[in-house]
């Protein structure tokens, strides 16, 4: 069952990075190089039975761990899991900026970006 990741919007999280900026995809190294840090939220379960994946924006060096705010959810229409997008507190991105930053991987899926809405 696919969890509702929109409940994470606006929350501060700590991400374990398993694909740091500059690394390649473990199965598709010839297709996907990571221009951003990418990891997961420990002790969570996504639609694929693995921890929830998180794209990290706004960090320009490879890191092993990151604490930041969830600013968006990538809703995949043709996959069993959605993804979270985190950024340093106070950093804002438009949907178009997020789509552009994630296109290295999301180009292979039919997805849309749900943003945090301010009251």
PDB file of N, CA and C in Angstrom:
ATOM      1  N   UNK A   1       0.835  -1.185   0.000  1.00  0.00           N
ATOM      2  CA  UNK A   1       0.000   0.000   0.000  1.00  0.00           C
ATOM      3  C   UNK A   1       0.880   1.249   0.000  1.00  0.00           C
ATOM      4  N   UNK A   2       0.503   2.221  -0.784  1.00  0.00           N
ATOM      5  CA  UNK A   2       1.259   3.453  -0.922  1.00  0.00           C
ATOM      6  C   UNK A   2       0.903   4.418   0.205  1.00  0.00           C
ATOM      7  N   UNK A   3       1.890   4.832   1.024  1.00  0.00           N
ATOM      8  CA  UNK A   3       1.590   5.783   2.101  1.00  0.00           C
ATOM      9  C   UNK A   3       1.346   7.191   1.552  1.00  0.00           C
ATOM     10  N   UNK A   4       0.626   7.998   2.304  1.00  0.00           N
ATOM     11  CA  UNK A   4       0.370   9.393   1.938  1.00  0.00           C
ATOM     12  C   UNK A   4       1.549  10.237   2.401  1.00  0.00           C
ATOM     13  N   UNK A   5       2.458  10.548   1.484  1.00  0.00           N
ATOM     14  CA  UNK A   5       3.657  11.296   1.841  1.00  0.00           C
ATOM     15  C   UNK A   5       3.397  12.780   2.044  1.00  0.00           C
ATOM     16  N   UNK A   6       2.219  13.258   1.676  1.00  0.00           N
ATOM     17  CA  UNK A   6       1.937  14.686   1.875  1.00  0.00           C
ATOM     18  C   UNK A   6       1.938  15.055   3.358  1.00  0.00           C
ATOM     19  N   UNK A   7       1.799  14.065   4.233  1.00  0.00           N
ATOM     20  CA  UNK A   7       1.842  14.354   5.674  1.00  0.00           C
ATOM     21  C   UNK A   7       3.229  14.818   6.128  1.00  0.00           C
ATOM     22  N   UNK A   8       4.236  14.608   5.302  1.00  0.00           N
ATOM     23  CA  UNK A   8       5.597  15.046   5.622  1.00  0.00           C
ATOM     24  C   UNK A   8       5.861  16.503   5.239  1.00  0.00           C
ATOM     25  N   UNK A   9       5.010  17.096   4.421  1.00  0.00           N
ATOM     26  CA  UNK A   9       5.240  18.467   3.969  1.00  0.00           C
ATOM     27  C   UNK A   9       5.408  19.426   5.143  1.00  0.00           C
ATOM     28  N   UNK A  10       6.491  20.204   5.107  1.00  0.00           N
ATOM     29  CA  UNK A  10       6.765  21.178   6.150  1.00  0.00           C
ATOM     30  C   UNK A  10       7.472  20.619   7.371  1.00  0.00           C
ATOM     31  N   UNK A  11       7.662  19.314   7.417  1.00  0.00           N
ATOM     32  CA  UNK A  11       8.305  18.702   8.590  1.00  0.00           C
ATOM     33  C   UNK A  11       9.819  18.652   8.426  1.00  0.00           C
ATOM     34  N   UNK A  12      10.517  18.770   9.547  1.00  0.00           N
ATOM     35  CA  UNK A  12      11.969  18.630   9.562  1.00  0.00           C
ATOM     36  C   UNK A  12      12.306  17.153   9.684  1.00  0.00           C
ATOM     37  N   UNK A  13      13.224  16.685   8.844  1.00  0.00           N
ATOM     38  CA  UNK A  13      13.601  15.270   8.817  1.00  0.00           C
ATOM     39  C   UNK A  13      15.120  15.144   8.754  1.00  0.00           C
ATOM     40  N   UNK A  14      15.612  13.964   9.093  1.00  0.00           N
ATOM     41  CA  UNK A  14      17.023  13.637   8.910  1.00  0.00           C
ATOM     42  C   UNK A  14      17.108  12.504   7.897  1.00  0.00           C
ATOM     43  N   UNK A  15      17.828  12.758   6.821  1.00  0.00           N
ATOM     44  CA  UNK A  15      17.937  11.829   5.700  1.00  0.00           C
ATOM     45  C   UNK A  15      19.299  11.142   5.737  1.00  0.00           C
ATOM     46  N   UNK A  16      19.295   9.835   5.571  1.00  0.00           N
ATOM     47  CA  UNK A  16      20.536   9.085   5.370  1.00  0.00           C
ATOM     48  C   UNK A  16      20.799   9.067   3.871  1.00  0.00           C
ATOM     49  N   UNK A  17      21.945   9.581   3.455  1.00  0.00           N
ATOM     50  CA  UNK A  17      22.269   9.690   2.033  1.00  0.00           C
ATOM     51  C   UNK A  17      23.015   8.436   1.597  1.00  0.00           C
ATOM     52  N   UNK A  18      22.431   7.707   0.636  1.00  0.00           N
ATOM     53  CA  UNK A  18      23.100   6.520   0.109  1.00  0.00           C
ATOM     54  C   UNK A  18      23.562   6.709  -1.333  1.00  0.00           C
ATOM     55  N   UNK A  19      23.159   7.820  -1.941  1.00  0.00           N
ATOM     56  CA  UNK A  19      23.619   8.173  -3.285  1.00  0.00           C
ATOM     57  C   UNK A  19      24.016   9.651  -3.255  1.00  0.00           C
ATOM     58  N   UNK A  20      25.240   9.915  -2.830  1.00  0.00           N
ATOM     59  CA  UNK A  20      25.669  11.309  -2.721  1.00  0.00           C
ATOM     60  C   UNK A  20      25.857  11.967  -4.082  1.00  0.00           C
ATOM     61  N   UNK A  21      25.836  13.267  -4.070  1.00  0.00           N
ATOM     62  CA  UNK A  21      26.077  14.058  -5.271  1.00  0.00           C
ATOM     63  C   UNK A  21      27.340  13.534  -5.961  1.00  0.00           C
ATOM     64  N   UNK A  22      27.250  13.289  -7.268  1.00  0.00           N
ATOM     65  CA  UNK A  22      28.384  12.792  -8.038  1.00  0.00           C
ATOM     66  C   UNK A  22      28.437  11.289  -8.189  1.00  0.00           C
ATOM     67  N   UNK A  23      27.608  10.555  -7.435  1.00  0.00           N
ATOM     68  CA  UNK A  23      27.607   9.094  -7.540  1.00  0.00           C
ATOM     69  C   UNK A  23      26.738   8.653  -8.723  1.00  0.00           C
ATOM     70  N   UNK A  24      26.771   7.366  -9.025  1.00  0.00           N
ATOM     71  CA  UNK A  24      25.941   6.825 -10.099  1.00  0.00           C
ATOM     72  C   UNK A  24      24.925   5.857  -9.519  1.00  0.00           C
ATOM     73  N   UNK A  25      23.865   5.636 -10.287  1.00  0.00           N
ATOM     74  CA  UNK A  25      22.810   4.719  -9.881  1.00  0.00           C
ATOM     75  C   UNK A  25      23.384   3.305  -9.813  1.00  0.00           C
ATOM     76  N   UNK A  26      23.050   2.543  -8.769  1.00  0.00           N
ATOM     77  CA  UNK A  26      23.633   1.202  -8.622  1.00  0.00           C
ATOM     78  C   UNK A  26      23.281   0.241  -9.752  1.00  0.00           C
ATOM     79  N   UNK A  27      22.122   0.397 -10.368  1.00  0.00           N
ATOM     80  CA  UNK A  27      21.735  -0.510 -11.464  1.00  0.00           C
ATOM     81  C   UNK A  27      21.860   0.128 -12.837  1.00  0.00           C
ATOM     82  N   UNK A  28      21.839   1.443 -12.915  1.00  0.00           N
ATOM     83  CA  UNK A  28      21.835   2.138 -14.205  1.00  0.00           C
ATOM     84  C   UNK A  28      22.949   3.175 -14.261  1.00  0.00           C
ATOM     85  N   UNK A  29      24.166   2.766 -13.951  1.00  0.00           N
ATOM     86  CA  UNK A  29      25.300   3.694 -13.884  1.00  0.00           C
ATOM     87  C   UNK A  29      25.541   4.406 -15.209  1.00  0.00           C
ATOM     88  N   UNK A  30      25.227   3.746 -16.311  1.00  0.00           N
ATOM     89  CA  UNK A  30      25.437   4.375 -17.618  1.00  0.00           C
ATOM     90  C   UNK A  30      24.338   5.379 -17.964  1.00  0.00           C
ATOM     91  N   UNK A  31      23.241   5.374 -17.231  1.00  0.00           N
ATOM     92  CA  UNK A  31      22.120   6.282 -17.513  1.00  0.00           C
ATOM     93  C   UNK A  31      21.958   7.398 -16.491  1.00  0.00           C
ATOM     94  N   UNK A  32      22.254   7.118 -15.222  1.00  0.00           N
ATOM     95  CA  UNK A  32      21.922   8.076 -14.167  1.00  0.00           C
ATOM     96  C   UNK A  32      23.132   8.384 -13.298  1.00  0.00           C
ATOM     97  N   UNK A  33      23.545   9.654 -13.343  1.00  0.00           N
ATOM     98  CA  UNK A  33      24.531  10.189 -12.397  1.00  0.00           C
ATOM     99  C   UNK A  33      23.789  11.198 -11.534  1.00  0.00           C
ATOM    100  N   UNK A  34      24.083  11.229 -10.271  1.00  0.00           N
ATOM    101  CA  UNK A  34      23.334  12.071  -9.335  1.00  0.00           C
ATOM    102  C   UNK A  34      23.930  13.480  -9.224  1.00  0.00           C
ATOM    103  N   UNK A  35      23.198  14.490  -9.745  1.00  0.00           N
ATOM    104  CA  UNK A  35      23.645  15.874  -9.628  1.00  0.00           C
ATOM    105  C   UNK A  35      23.245  16.495  -8.281  1.00  0.00           C
ATOM    106  N   UNK A  36      22.559  15.711  -7.465  1.00  0.00           N
ATOM    107  CA  UNK A  36      22.128  16.133  -6.124  1.00  0.00           C
ATOM    108  C   UNK A  36      22.322  14.949  -5.178  1.00  0.00           C
ATOM    109  N   UNK A  37      22.219  15.196  -3.896  1.00  0.00           N
ATOM    110  CA  UNK A  37      22.247  14.115  -2.909  1.00  0.00           C
ATOM    111  C   UNK A  37      20.874  13.443  -2.868  1.00  0.00           C
ATOM    112  N   UNK A  38      20.879  12.142  -2.628  1.00  0.00           N
ATOM    113  CA  UNK A  38      19.648  11.346  -2.633  1.00  0.00           C
ATOM    114  C   UNK A  38      19.767  10.296  -1.551  1.00  0.00           C
ATOM    115  N   UNK A  39      18.718  10.138  -0.782  1.00  0.00           N
ATOM    116  CA  UNK A  39      18.779   9.148   0.287  1.00  0.00           C
ATOM    117  C   UNK A  39      17.416   8.677   0.719  1.00  0.00           C
ATOM    118  N   UNK A  40      17.295   8.364   2.004  1.00  0.00           N
ATOM    119  CA  UNK A  40      16.053   7.790   2.511  1.00  0.00           C
ATOM    120  C   UNK A  40      15.835   8.184   3.966  1.00  0.00           C
ATOM    121  N   UNK A  41      14.590   8.027   4.398  1.00  0.00           N
ATOM    122  CA  UNK A  41      14.228   8.259   5.796  1.00  0.00           C
ATOM    123  C   UNK A  41      14.261   6.916   6.516  1.00  0.00           C
ATOM    124  N   UNK A  42      15.194   6.749   7.450  1.00  0.00           N
ATOM    125  CA  UNK A  42      15.260   5.488   8.200  1.00  0.00           C
ATOM    126  C   UNK A  42      13.943   5.222   8.950  1.00  0.00           C
ATOM    127  N   UNK A  43      13.655   3.976   9.146  1.00  0.00           N
ATOM    128  CA  UNK A  43      12.485   3.543   9.920  1.00  0.00           C
ATOM    129  C   UNK A  43      11.164   3.972   9.313  1.00  0.00           C
ATOM    130  N   UNK A  44      11.110   4.041   7.987  1.00  0.00           N
ATOM    131  CA  UNK A  44       9.864   4.311   7.270  1.00  0.00           C
ATOM    132  C   UNK A  44       9.691   3.240   6.208  1.00  0.00           C
ATOM    133  N   UNK A  45       8.493   3.134   5.662  1.00  0.00           N
ATOM    134  CA  UNK A  45       8.214   2.166   4.602  1.00  0.00           C
ATOM    135  C   UNK A  45       7.459   2.873   3.478  1.00  0.00           C
ATOM    136  N   UNK A  46       7.984   2.736   2.275  1.00  0.00           N
ATOM    137  CA  UNK A  46       7.359   3.311   1.088  1.00  0.00           C
ATOM    138  C   UNK A  46       6.530   2.247   0.371  1.00  0.00           C
ATOM    139  N   UNK A  47       5.977   2.602  -0.751  1.00  0.00           N
ATOM    140  CA  UNK A  47       5.131   1.688  -1.517  1.00  0.00           C
ATOM    141  C   UNK A  47       5.861   0.467  -2.033  1.00  0.00           C
ATOM    142  N   UNK A  48       7.204   0.541  -2.127  1.00  0.00           N
ATOM    143  CA  UNK A  48       7.973  -0.599  -2.616  1.00  0.00           C
ATOM    144  C   UNK A  48       8.500  -1.480  -1.474  1.00  0.00           C
ATOM    145  N   UNK A  49       8.088  -1.162  -0.224  1.00  0.00           N
ATOM    146  CA  UNK A  49       8.525  -1.945   0.920  1.00  0.00           C
ATOM    147  C   UNK A  49       9.874  -1.514   1.476  1.00  0.00           C
ATOM    148  N   UNK A  50      10.504  -0.532   0.857  1.00  0.00           N
ATOM    149  CA  UNK A  50      11.788   0.010   1.292  1.00  0.00           C
ATOM    150  C   UNK A  50      11.555   1.347   1.998  1.00  0.00           C
ATOM    151  N   UNK A  51      12.576   1.900   2.654  1.00  0.00           N
ATOM    152  CA  UNK A  51      12.401   3.230   3.267  1.00  0.00           C
ATOM    153  C   UNK A  51      12.039   4.294   2.227  1.00  0.00           C
ATOM    154  N   UNK A  52      11.367   5.330   2.677  1.00  0.00           N
ATOM    155  CA  UNK A  52      10.935   6.421   1.799  1.00  0.00           C
ATOM    156  C   UNK A  52      12.155   7.158   1.263  1.00  0.00           C
ATOM    157  N   UNK A  53      12.207   7.332  -0.065  1.00  0.00           N
ATOM    158  CA  UNK A  53      13.313   8.018  -0.730  1.00  0.00           C
ATOM    159  C   UNK A  53      13.137   9.526  -0.666  1.00  0.00           C
ATOM    160  N   UNK A  54      14.282  10.232  -0.609  1.00  0.00           N
ATOM    161  CA  UNK A  54      14.273  11.692  -0.492  1.00  0.00           C
ATOM    162  C   UNK A  54      15.323  12.299  -1.417  1.00  0.00           C
ATOM    163  N   UNK A  55      14.885  13.211  -2.283  1.00  0.00           N
ATOM    164  CA  UNK A  55      15.796  14.051  -3.049  1.00  0.00           C
ATOM    165  C   UNK A  55      16.173  15.235  -2.162  1.00  0.00           C
ATOM    166  N   UNK A  56      17.433  15.655  -2.212  1.00  0.00           N
ATOM    167  CA  UNK A  56      17.893  16.784  -1.401  1.00  0.00           C
ATOM    168  C   UNK A  56      18.340  17.912  -2.322  1.00  0.00           C
ATOM    169  N   UNK A  57      17.695  19.059  -2.216  1.00  0.00           N
ATOM    170  CA  UNK A  57      18.069  20.236  -2.998  1.00  0.00           C
ATOM    171  C   UNK A  57      18.806  21.243  -2.119  1.00  0.00           C
ATOM    172  N   UNK A  58      19.618  22.080  -2.740  1.00  0.00           N
ATOM    173  CA  UNK A  58      20.256  23.177  -2.015  1.00  0.00           C
ATOM    174  C   UNK A  58      21.511  22.828  -1.248  1.00  0.00           C
ATOM    175  N   UNK A  59      22.058  21.647  -1.458  1.00  0.00           N
ATOM    176  CA  UNK A  59      23.312  21.241  -0.812  1.00  0.00           C
ATOM    177  C   UNK A  59      24.293  20.941  -1.938  1.00  0.00           C
ATOM    178  N   UNK A  60      25.346  21.725  -2.037  1.00  0.00           N
ATOM    179  CA  UNK A  60      26.236  21.664  -3.198  1.00  0.00           C
ATOM    180  C   UNK A  60      27.452  20.764  -3.027  1.00  0.00           C
ATOM    181  N   UNK A  61      27.505  19.977  -1.954  1.00  0.00           N
ATOM    182  CA  UNK A  61      28.601  19.027  -1.778  1.00  0.00           C
ATOM    183  C   UNK A  61      28.001  17.681  -1.361  1.00  0.00           C
ATOM    184  N   UNK A  62      28.765  16.632  -1.607  1.00  0.00           N
ATOM    185  CA  UNK A  62      28.317  15.298  -1.214  1.00  0.00           C
ATOM    186  C   UNK A  62      28.278  15.209   0.311  1.00  0.00           C
ATOM    187  N   UNK A  63      27.188  14.643   0.832  1.00  0.00           N
ATOM    188  CA  UNK A  63      27.022  14.480   2.279  1.00  0.00           C
ATOM    189  C   UNK A  63      26.578  13.052   2.581  1.00  0.00           C
ATOM    190  N   UNK A  64      26.776  12.640   3.824  1.00  0.00           N
ATOM    191  CA  UNK A  64      26.336  11.310   4.264  1.00  0.00           C
ATOM    192  C   UNK A  64      25.004  11.365   4.983  1.00  0.00           C
ATOM    193  N   UNK A  65      24.695  12.531   5.548  1.00  0.00           N
ATOM    194  CA  UNK A  65      23.438  12.727   6.274  1.00  0.00           C
ATOM    195  C   UNK A  65      23.027  14.181   6.088  1.00  0.00           C
ATOM    196  N   UNK A  66      21.707  14.425   6.152  1.00  0.00           N
ATOM    197  CA  UNK A  66      21.202  15.775   5.951  1.00  0.00           C
ATOM    198  C   UNK A  66      19.961  15.977   6.806  1.00  0.00           C
ATOM    199  N   UNK A  67      19.892  17.114   7.483  1.00  0.00           N
ATOM    200  CA  UNK A  67      18.679  17.507   8.200  1.00  0.00           C
ATOM    201  C   UNK A  67      18.108  18.732   7.504  1.00  0.00           C
ATOM    202  N   UNK A  68      16.854  18.660   7.146  1.00  0.00           N
ATOM    203  CA  UNK A  68      16.200  19.759   6.445  1.00  0.00           C
ATOM    204  C   UNK A  68      14.699  19.601   6.485  1.00  0.00           C
ATOM    205  N   UNK A  69      14.030  20.405   5.670  1.00  0.00           N
ATOM    206  CA  UNK A  69      12.574  20.467   5.660  1.00  0.00           C
ATOM    207  C   UNK A  69      12.044  19.851   4.368  1.00  0.00           C
ATOM    208  N   UNK A  70      10.973  19.088   4.487  1.00  0.00           N
ATOM    209  CA  UNK A  70      10.317  18.526   3.300  1.00  0.00           C
ATOM    210  C   UNK A  70       9.522  19.644   2.637  1.00  0.00           C
ATOM    211  N   UNK A  71       9.890  19.948   1.382  1.00  0.00           N
ATOM    212  CA  UNK A  71       9.255  21.056   0.658  1.00  0.00           C
ATOM    213  C   UNK A  71       8.317  20.583  -0.451  1.00  0.00           C
ATOM    214  N   UNK A  72       8.398  19.305  -0.809  1.00  0.00           N
ATOM    215  CA  UNK A  72       7.551  18.804  -1.899  1.00  0.00           C
ATOM    216  C   UNK A  72       7.482  17.285  -1.860  1.00  0.00           C
ATOM    217  N   UNK A  73       6.476  16.785  -2.570  1.00  0.00           N
ATOM    218  CA  UNK A  73       6.321  15.348  -2.782  1.00  0.00           C
ATOM    219  C   UNK A  73       6.265  15.113  -4.279  1.00  0.00           C
ATOM    220  N   UNK A  74       7.017  14.129  -4.755  1.00  0.00           N
ATOM    221  CA  UNK A  74       6.947  13.722  -6.151  1.00  0.00           C
ATOM    222  C   UNK A  74       5.951  12.572  -6.215  1.00  0.00           C
ATOM    223  N   UNK A  75       4.843  12.821  -6.870  1.00  0.00           N
ATOM    224  CA  UNK A  75       3.770  11.831  -6.983  1.00  0.00           C
ATOM    225  C   UNK A  75       3.914  11.108  -8.314  1.00  0.00           C
ATOM    226  N   UNK A  76       4.295   9.856  -8.250  1.00  0.00           N
ATOM    227  CA  UNK A  76       4.503   9.063  -9.466  1.00  0.00           C
ATOM    228  C   UNK A  76       3.221   8.335  -9.838  1.00  0.00           C
ATOM    229  N   UNK A  77       2.813   8.524 -11.070  1.00  0.00           N
ATOM    230  CA  UNK A  77       1.581   7.905 -11.552  1.00  0.00           C
ATOM    231  C   UNK A  77       1.808   6.503 -12.097  1.00  0.00           C
ATOM    232  N   UNK A  78       3.049   6.160 -12.399  1.00  0.00           N
ATOM    233  CA  UNK A  78       3.348   4.868 -13.020  1.00  0.00           C
ATOM    234  C   UNK A  78       4.385   4.069 -12.228  1.00  0.00           C
ATOM    235  N   UNK A  79       4.359   4.219 -10.914  1.00  0.00           N
ATOM    236  CA  UNK A  79       5.281   3.495 -10.054  1.00  0.00           C
ATOM    237  C   UNK A  79       4.569   3.219  -8.730  1.00  0.00           C
ATOM    238  N   UNK A  80       5.126   2.324  -7.936  1.00  0.00           N
ATOM    239  CA  UNK A  80       4.504   1.969  -6.661  1.00  0.00           C
ATOM    240  C   UNK A  80       4.913   2.884  -5.519  1.00  0.00           C
ATOM    241  N   UNK A  81       5.865   3.775  -5.769  1.00  0.00           N
ATOM    242  CA  UNK A  81       6.321   4.657  -4.699  1.00  0.00           C
ATOM    243  C   UNK A  81       6.402   6.109  -5.147  1.00  0.00           C
ATOM    244  N   UNK A  82       6.170   6.990  -4.188  1.00  0.00           N
ATOM    245  CA  UNK A  82       6.360   8.421  -4.385  1.00  0.00           C
ATOM    246  C   UNK A  82       7.661   8.804  -3.684  1.00  0.00           C
ATOM    247  N   UNK A  83       8.123  10.018  -3.898  1.00  0.00           N
ATOM    248  CA  UNK A  83       9.388  10.477  -3.319  1.00  0.00           C
ATOM    249  C   UNK A  83       9.167  11.794  -2.586  1.00  0.00           C
ATOM    250  N   UNK A  84      10.018  12.079  -1.610  1.00  0.00           N
ATOM    251  CA  UNK A  84      10.002  13.367  -0.919  1.00  0.00           C
ATOM    252  C   UNK A  84      11.122  14.238  -1.460  1.00  0.00           C
ATOM    253  N   UNK A  85      10.971  15.551  -1.291  1.00  0.00           N
ATOM    254  CA  UNK A  85      12.008  16.513  -1.655  1.00  0.00           C
ATOM    255  C   UNK A  85      12.305  17.351  -0.421  1.00  0.00           C
ATOM    256  N   UNK A  86      13.574  17.384  -0.008  1.00  0.00           N
ATOM    257  CA  UNK A  86      13.989  18.150   1.160  1.00  0.00           C
ATOM    258  C   UNK A  86      14.942  19.260   0.739  1.00  0.00           C
ATOM    259  N   UNK A  87      14.994  20.301   1.567  1.00  0.00           N
ATOM    260  CA  UNK A  87      15.904  21.421   1.346  1.00  0.00           C
ATOM    261  C   UNK A  87      16.279  22.012   2.697  1.00  0.00           C
ATOM    262  N   UNK A  88      17.370  22.780   2.743  1.00  0.00           N
ATOM    263  CA  UNK A  88      17.700  23.459   3.999  1.00  0.00           C
ATOM    264  C   UNK A  88      16.545  24.372   4.429  1.00  0.00           C
ATOM    265  N   UNK A  89      16.358  24.508   5.730  1.00  0.00           N
ATOM    266  CA  UNK A  89      15.298  25.378   6.253  1.00  0.00           C
ATOM    267  C   UNK A  89      15.432  26.766   5.650  1.00  0.00           C
ATOM    268  N   UNK A  90      14.304  27.308   5.208  1.00  0.00           N
ATOM    269  CA  UNK A  90      14.284  28.650   4.646  1.00  0.00           C
ATOM    270  C   UNK A  90      14.490  28.714   3.143  1.00  0.00           C
ATOM    271  N   UNK A  91      14.922  27.627   2.517  1.00  0.00           N
ATOM    272  CA  UNK A  91      15.120  27.606   1.062  1.00  0.00           C
ATOM    273  C   UNK A  91      13.804  27.281   0.384  1.00  0.00           C
ATOM    274  N   UNK A  92      13.463  28.044  -0.637  1.00  0.00           N
ATOM    275  CA  UNK A  92      12.212  27.852  -1.373  1.00  0.00           C
ATOM    276  C   UNK A  92      12.510  27.568  -2.837  1.00  0.00           C
ATOM    277  N   UNK A  93      11.718  26.719  -3.420  1.00  0.00           N
ATOM    278  CA  UNK A  93      11.844  26.367  -4.835  1.00  0.00           C
ATOM    279  C   UNK A  93      10.453  26.355  -5.461  1.00  0.00           C
ATOM    280  N   UNK A  94      10.375  26.760  -6.712  1.00  0.00           N
ATOM    281  CA  UNK A  94       9.111  26.649  -7.443  1.00  0.00           C
ATOM    282  C   UNK A  94       8.970  25.215  -7.940  1.00  0.00           C
ATOM    283  N   UNK A  95       7.762  24.861  -8.343  1.00  0.00           N
ATOM    284  CA  UNK A  95       7.541  23.523  -8.906  1.00  0.00           C
ATOM    285  C   UNK A  95       8.424  23.326 -10.132  1.00  0.00           C
ATOM    286  N   UNK A  96       8.558  24.349 -10.963  1.00  0.00           N
ATOM    287  CA  UNK A  96       9.386  24.243 -12.171  1.00  0.00           C
ATOM    288  C   UNK A  96      10.857  24.008 -11.816  1.00  0.00           C
ATOM    289  N   UNK A  97      11.359  24.661 -10.791  1.00  0.00           N
ATOM    290  CA  UNK A  97      12.748  24.460 -10.359  1.00  0.00           C
ATOM    291  C   UNK A  97      12.950  23.043  -9.837  1.00  0.00           C
ATOM    292  N   UNK A  98      11.976  22.536  -9.114  1.00  0.00           N
ATOM    293  CA  UNK A  98      12.072  21.167  -8.583  1.00  0.00           C
ATOM    294  C   UNK A  98      12.038  20.163  -9.725  1.00  0.00           C
ATOM    295  N   UNK A  99      11.112  20.329 -10.645  1.00  0.00           N
ATOM    296  CA  UNK A  99      11.018  19.422 -11.795  1.00  0.00           C
ATOM    297  C   UNK A  99      12.333  19.405 -12.565  1.00  0.00           C
ATOM    298  N   UNK A 100      12.909  20.569 -12.795  1.00  0.00           N
ATOM    299  CA  UNK A 100      14.184  20.655 -13.511  1.00  0.00           C
ATOM    300  C   UNK A 100      15.300  19.942 -12.748  1.00  0.00           C
ATOM    301  N   UNK A 101      15.393  20.148 -11.450  1.00  0.00           N
ATOM    302  CA  UNK A 101      16.453  19.544 -10.640  1.00  0.00           C
ATOM    303  C   UNK A 101      16.342  18.021 -10.577  1.00  0.00           C
ATOM    304  N   UNK A 102      15.121  17.501 -10.683  1.00  0.00           N
ATOM    305  CA  UNK A 102      14.905  16.058 -10.547  1.00  0.00           C
ATOM    306  C   UNK A 102      14.789  15.335 -11.884  1.00  0.00           C
ATOM    307  N   UNK A 103      14.859  16.076 -12.967  1.00  0.00           N
ATOM    308  CA  UNK A 103      14.639  15.474 -14.289  1.00  0.00           C
ATOM    309  C   UNK A 103      15.655  14.387 -14.623  1.00  0.00           C
ATOM    310  N   UNK A 104      16.834  14.411 -14.017  1.00  0.00           N
ATOM    311  CA  UNK A 104      17.837  13.375 -14.284  1.00  0.00           C
ATOM    312  C   UNK A 104      17.276  11.982 -14.017  1.00  0.00           C
ATOM    313  N   UNK A 105      16.336  11.870 -13.083  1.00  0.00           N
ATOM    314  CA  UNK A 105      15.743  10.571 -12.765  1.00  0.00           C
ATOM    315  C   UNK A 105      14.255  10.525 -13.081  1.00  0.00           C
ATOM    316  N   UNK A 106      13.533  11.596 -12.808  1.00  0.00           N
ATOM    317  CA  UNK A 106      12.080  11.585 -12.999  1.00  0.00           C
ATOM    318  C   UNK A 106      11.675  11.567 -14.469  1.00  0.00           C
ATOM    319  N   UNK A 107      12.615  11.834 -15.387  1.00  0.00           N
ATOM    320  CA  UNK A 107      12.306  11.768 -16.817  1.00  0.00           C
ATOM    321  C   UNK A 107      11.838  10.371 -17.240  1.00  0.00           C
ATOM    322  N   UNK A 108      12.147   9.372 -16.436  1.00  0.00           N
ATOM    323  CA  UNK A 108      11.783   8.000 -16.755  1.00  0.00           C
ATOM    324  C   UNK A 108      10.406   7.607 -16.212  1.00  0.00           C
ATOM    325  N   UNK A 109       9.729   8.552 -15.548  1.00  0.00           N
ATOM    326  CA  UNK A 109       8.430   8.284 -14.929  1.00  0.00           C
ATOM    327  C   UNK A 109       7.430   9.363 -15.293  1.00  0.00           C
ATOM    328  N   UNK A 110       6.180   9.037 -15.136  1.00  0.00           N
ATOM    329  CA  UNK A 110       5.110  10.026 -15.247  1.00  0.00           C
ATOM    330  C   UNK A 110       4.838  10.508 -13.824  1.00  0.00           C
ATOM    331  N   UNK A 111       5.279  11.735 -13.527  1.00  0.00           N
ATOM    332  CA  UNK A 111       5.154  12.221 -12.158  1.00  0.00           C
ATOM    333  C   UNK A 111       4.771  13.691 -12.143  1.00  0.00           C
ATOM    334  N   UNK A 112       4.312  14.112 -10.976  1.00  0.00           N
ATOM    335  CA  UNK A 112       4.004  15.528 -10.759  1.00  0.00           C
ATOM    336  C   UNK A 112       4.496  15.902  -9.368  1.00  0.00           C
ATOM    337  N   UNK A 113       4.686  17.198  -9.158  1.00  0.00           N
ATOM    338  CA  UNK A 113       5.231  17.688  -7.900  1.00  0.00           C
ATOM    339  C   UNK A 113       4.141  18.371  -7.097  1.00  0.00           C
ATOM    340  N   UNK A 114       3.974  17.934  -5.855  1.00  0.00           N
ATOM    341  CA  UNK A 114       3.062  18.579  -4.916  1.00  0.00           C
ATOM    342  C   UNK A 114       3.887  19.389  -3.938  1.00  0.00           C
ATOM    343  N   UNK A 115       3.623  20.697  -3.844  1.00  0.00           N
ATOM    344  CA  UNK A 115       4.399  21.591  -2.989  1.00  0.00           C
ATOM    345  C   UNK A 115       3.726  21.828  -1.661  1.00  0.00           C
ATOM    346  N   UNK A 116       4.552  22.225  -0.699  1.00  0.00           N
ATOM    347  CA  UNK A 116       4.019  22.682   0.578  1.00  0.00           C
ATOM    348  C   UNK A 116       3.289  23.991   0.331  1.00  0.00           C
ATOM    349  N   UNK A 117       2.115  24.118   0.888  1.00  0.00           N
ATOM    350  CA  UNK A 117       1.366  25.364   0.758  1.00  0.00           C
ATOM    351  C   UNK A 117       1.440  26.133   2.056  1.00  0.00           C
ATOM    352  N   UNK A 118       1.661  27.428   1.942  1.00  0.00           N
ATOM    353  CA  UNK A 118       1.741  28.285   3.133  1.00  0.00           C
ATOM    354  C   UNK A 118       0.340  28.785   3.478  1.00  0.00           C
ATOM    355  N   UNK A 119       0.003  28.856   4.780  1.00  0.00           N
ATOM    356  CA  UNK A 119      -1.330  29.339   5.167  1.00  0.00           C
ATOM    357  C   UNK A 119      -1.506  30.812   4.851  1.00  0.00           C
TER     358      UNK A 119
END
